[in-house]
Amino acid sequence: MEEFKEALDIFMDKYGDIKWPFGCEHDILYVTGTINPKVFSKEEIDRLSEIGFVIDDDLNQFYSYRYGSM
């Protein structure tokens, strides 16, 4: 849970407390398209990847299998 909280803090540092930040589909937790990966530094993207959030280049958004399923 601590790493999930860290990821949320990284997202909130860029976008604040937005409504409906996530969606789930087929065991994948998607971070809403409102949060654009292009505004994050390489270090932030690398850390988010370590935590379990990677970028879907086709959809231009973060997603996670780690937090989207059991």
N, C-alpha and C. Protein backbone atom coordinates (compact mmCIF):
# COMPACT_ATOMS: atom_id res chain seq x y z
N MET A 1 0.82 -1.20 0.00
CA MET A 1 0.00 0.00 0.00
C MET A 1 0.86 1.26 0.00
N GLU A 2 2.03 1.18 0.62
CA GLU A 2 2.89 2.36 0.69
C GLU A 2 3.34 2.82 -0.71
N GLU A 3 3.67 1.86 -1.57
CA GLU A 3 4.08 2.23 -2.92
C GLU A 3 2.90 2.77 -3.73
N PHE A 4 1.72 2.25 -3.51
CA PHE A 4 0.53 2.78 -4.18
C PHE A 4 0.31 4.23 -3.76
N LYS A 5 0.47 4.50 -2.48
CA LYS A 5 0.34 5.87 -1.97
C LYS A 5 1.40 6.78 -2.60
N GLU A 6 2.60 6.26 -2.74
CA GLU A 6 3.67 7.05 -3.38
C GLU A 6 3.30 7.40 -4.81
N ALA A 7 2.74 6.44 -5.55
CA ALA A 7 2.31 6.70 -6.92
C ALA A 7 1.22 7.78 -6.94
N LEU A 8 0.27 7.68 -6.03
CA LEU A 8 -0.79 8.69 -5.96
C LEU A 8 -0.20 10.07 -5.67
N ASP A 9 0.79 10.12 -4.78
CA ASP A 9 1.43 11.40 -4.48
C ASP A 9 2.11 11.99 -5.72
N ILE A 10 2.76 11.14 -6.52
CA ILE A 10 3.40 11.62 -7.74
C ILE A 10 2.35 12.16 -8.71
N PHE A 11 1.25 11.44 -8.88
CA PHE A 11 0.18 11.92 -9.76
C PHE A 11 -0.43 13.22 -9.23
N MET A 12 -0.64 13.29 -7.93
CA MET A 12 -1.27 14.49 -7.34
C MET A 12 -0.34 15.71 -7.41
N ASP A 13 0.97 15.49 -7.33
CA ASP A 13 1.91 16.61 -7.44
C ASP A 13 1.77 17.33 -8.77
N LYS A 14 1.41 16.60 -9.81
CA LYS A 14 1.25 17.20 -11.14
C LYS A 14 -0.16 17.73 -11.39
N TYR A 15 -1.18 17.03 -10.85
CA TYR A 15 -2.55 17.33 -11.24
C TYR A 15 -3.49 17.69 -10.10
N GLY A 16 -3.04 17.57 -8.87
CA GLY A 16 -3.92 17.85 -7.76
C GLY A 16 -4.94 16.74 -7.58
N ASP A 17 -5.98 17.04 -6.87
CA ASP A 17 -7.01 16.06 -6.52
C ASP A 17 -8.12 16.09 -7.57
N ILE A 18 -7.93 15.36 -8.67
CA ILE A 18 -8.93 15.36 -9.74
C ILE A 18 -10.01 14.32 -9.46
N LYS A 19 -11.17 14.53 -10.05
CA LYS A 19 -12.27 13.58 -9.91
C LYS A 19 -12.09 12.45 -10.91
N TRP A 20 -12.48 11.28 -10.52
CA TRP A 20 -12.45 10.08 -11.36
C TRP A 20 -11.07 9.86 -12.00
N PRO A 21 -10.04 9.66 -11.17
CA PRO A 21 -8.69 9.49 -11.72
C PRO A 21 -8.41 8.11 -12.31
N PHE A 22 -9.27 7.12 -12.01
CA PHE A 22 -9.00 5.76 -12.44
C PHE A 22 -10.19 5.11 -13.12
N GLY A 23 -9.87 4.09 -13.89
CA GLY A 23 -10.87 3.21 -14.45
C GLY A 23 -10.27 1.82 -14.50
N CYS A 24 -11.10 0.80 -14.37
CA CYS A 24 -10.60 -0.58 -14.43
C CYS A 24 -11.29 -1.33 -15.55
N GLU A 25 -10.51 -2.19 -16.19
CA GLU A 25 -11.06 -3.02 -17.25
C GLU A 25 -10.16 -4.24 -17.41
N HIS A 26 -10.74 -5.42 -17.32
CA HIS A 26 -10.01 -6.66 -17.53
C HIS A 26 -8.75 -6.74 -16.66
N ASP A 27 -8.88 -6.50 -15.37
CA ASP A 27 -7.79 -6.58 -14.40
C ASP A 27 -6.69 -5.54 -14.60
N ILE A 28 -6.99 -4.47 -15.29
CA ILE A 28 -6.02 -3.40 -15.50
C ILE A 28 -6.58 -2.12 -14.88
N LEU A 29 -5.79 -1.47 -14.04
CA LEU A 29 -6.15 -0.18 -13.47
C LEU A 29 -5.58 0.89 -14.39
N TYR A 30 -6.44 1.66 -15.03
CA TYR A 30 -6.01 2.74 -15.92
C TYR A 30 -6.07 4.06 -15.17
N VAL A 31 -5.04 4.88 -15.36
CA VAL A 31 -5.05 6.24 -14.84
C VAL A 31 -5.68 7.09 -15.93
N THR A 32 -6.66 7.88 -15.59
CA THR A 32 -7.42 8.63 -16.57
C THR A 32 -6.55 9.39 -17.56
N GLY A 33 -7.01 9.52 -18.76
CA GLY A 33 -6.29 10.24 -19.80
C GLY A 33 -6.04 11.70 -19.48
N THR A 34 -6.74 12.23 -18.46
CA THR A 34 -6.50 13.60 -18.02
C THR A 34 -5.06 13.76 -17.53
N ILE A 35 -4.50 12.68 -16.99
CA ILE A 35 -3.12 12.70 -16.49
C ILE A 35 -2.21 12.28 -17.63
N ASN A 36 -1.55 13.24 -18.25
CA ASN A 36 -0.72 13.03 -19.43
C ASN A 36 0.70 12.63 -19.02
N PRO A 37 1.17 11.46 -19.42
CA PRO A 37 2.52 11.02 -19.06
C PRO A 37 3.63 11.96 -19.54
N LYS A 38 3.36 12.75 -20.55
CA LYS A 38 4.40 13.63 -21.11
C LYS A 38 4.82 14.76 -20.18
N VAL A 39 4.05 15.03 -19.13
CA VAL A 39 4.42 16.11 -18.21
C VAL A 39 5.28 15.62 -17.05
N PHE A 40 5.55 14.32 -17.01
CA PHE A 40 6.35 13.75 -15.92
C PHE A 40 7.81 13.65 -16.34
N SER A 41 8.69 13.84 -15.37
CA SER A 41 10.12 13.71 -15.65
C SER A 41 10.48 12.24 -15.86
N LYS A 42 11.65 12.02 -16.44
CA LYS A 42 12.13 10.66 -16.64
C LYS A 42 12.25 9.94 -15.30
N GLU A 43 12.71 10.64 -14.28
CA GLU A 43 12.85 10.04 -12.95
C GLU A 43 11.49 9.62 -12.38
N GLU A 44 10.48 10.47 -12.56
CA GLU A 44 9.13 10.14 -12.09
C GLU A 44 8.58 8.94 -12.85
N ILE A 45 8.77 8.92 -14.15
CA ILE A 45 8.28 7.80 -14.96
C ILE A 45 8.99 6.51 -14.57
N ASP A 46 10.30 6.59 -14.35
CA ASP A 46 11.05 5.41 -13.92
C ASP A 46 10.54 4.89 -12.58
N ARG A 47 10.31 5.80 -11.64
CA ARG A 47 9.82 5.38 -10.32
C ARG A 47 8.41 4.81 -10.41
N LEU A 48 7.55 5.44 -11.18
CA LEU A 48 6.20 4.91 -11.35
C LEU A 48 6.24 3.51 -11.97
N SER A 49 7.16 3.30 -12.89
CA SER A 49 7.32 1.98 -13.49
C SER A 49 7.76 0.95 -12.44
N GLU A 50 8.69 1.33 -11.58
CA GLU A 50 9.12 0.44 -10.50
C GLU A 50 7.97 0.09 -9.57
N ILE A 51 7.11 1.05 -9.34
CA ILE A 51 5.96 0.87 -8.44
C ILE A 51 4.87 0.03 -9.11
N GLY A 52 4.84 0.00 -10.44
CA GLY A 52 3.85 -0.82 -11.13
C GLY A 52 2.98 -0.08 -12.12
N PHE A 53 3.26 1.20 -12.35
CA PHE A 53 2.50 1.98 -13.33
C PHE A 53 3.36 2.23 -14.55
N VAL A 54 2.95 1.71 -15.69
CA VAL A 54 3.69 1.90 -16.93
C VAL A 54 2.82 2.67 -17.92
N ILE A 55 3.42 3.09 -19.01
CA ILE A 55 2.71 3.92 -19.99
C ILE A 55 2.26 3.06 -21.17
N ASP A 56 1.00 3.19 -21.52
CA ASP A 56 0.48 2.62 -22.75
C ASP A 56 0.67 3.69 -23.82
N ASP A 57 1.64 3.47 -24.71
CA ASP A 57 1.95 4.47 -25.73
C ASP A 57 0.80 4.72 -26.69
N ASP A 58 0.01 3.68 -26.98
CA ASP A 58 -1.13 3.85 -27.89
C ASP A 58 -2.21 4.74 -27.28
N LEU A 59 -2.47 4.55 -25.99
CA LEU A 59 -3.50 5.34 -25.32
C LEU A 59 -2.95 6.60 -24.66
N ASN A 60 -1.62 6.70 -24.58
CA ASN A 60 -0.96 7.83 -23.93
C ASN A 60 -1.46 8.02 -22.49
N GLN A 61 -1.42 6.92 -21.72
CA GLN A 61 -1.81 7.00 -20.33
C GLN A 61 -1.12 5.89 -19.54
N PHE A 62 -1.08 6.09 -18.22
CA PHE A 62 -0.51 5.09 -17.33
C PHE A 62 -1.53 3.98 -17.08
N TYR A 63 -1.01 2.79 -16.80
CA TYR A 63 -1.86 1.68 -16.38
C TYR A 63 -1.07 0.77 -15.47
N SER A 64 -1.78 -0.12 -14.76
CA SER A 64 -1.12 -1.04 -13.86
C SER A 64 -1.86 -2.36 -13.79
N TYR A 65 -1.11 -3.44 -13.98
CA TYR A 65 -1.65 -4.77 -13.70
C TYR A 65 -1.53 -5.06 -12.21
N ARG A 66 -0.52 -4.51 -11.58
CA ARG A 66 -0.25 -4.77 -10.17
C ARG A 66 -1.43 -4.36 -9.28
N TYR A 67 -2.02 -3.23 -9.57
CA TYR A 67 -3.10 -2.72 -8.72
C TYR A 67 -4.47 -2.94 -9.33
N GLY A 68 -4.52 -3.52 -10.50
CA GLY A 68 -5.82 -3.70 -11.17
C GLY A 68 -6.42 -5.07 -10.96
N SER A 69 -5.65 -6.00 -10.38
CA SER A 69 -6.19 -7.34 -10.19
C SER A 69 -5.59 -7.96 -8.93
N MET A 70 -6.13 -9.11 -8.60
CA MET A 70 -5.63 -9.79 -7.40
C MET A 70 -4.74 -10.94 -7.78
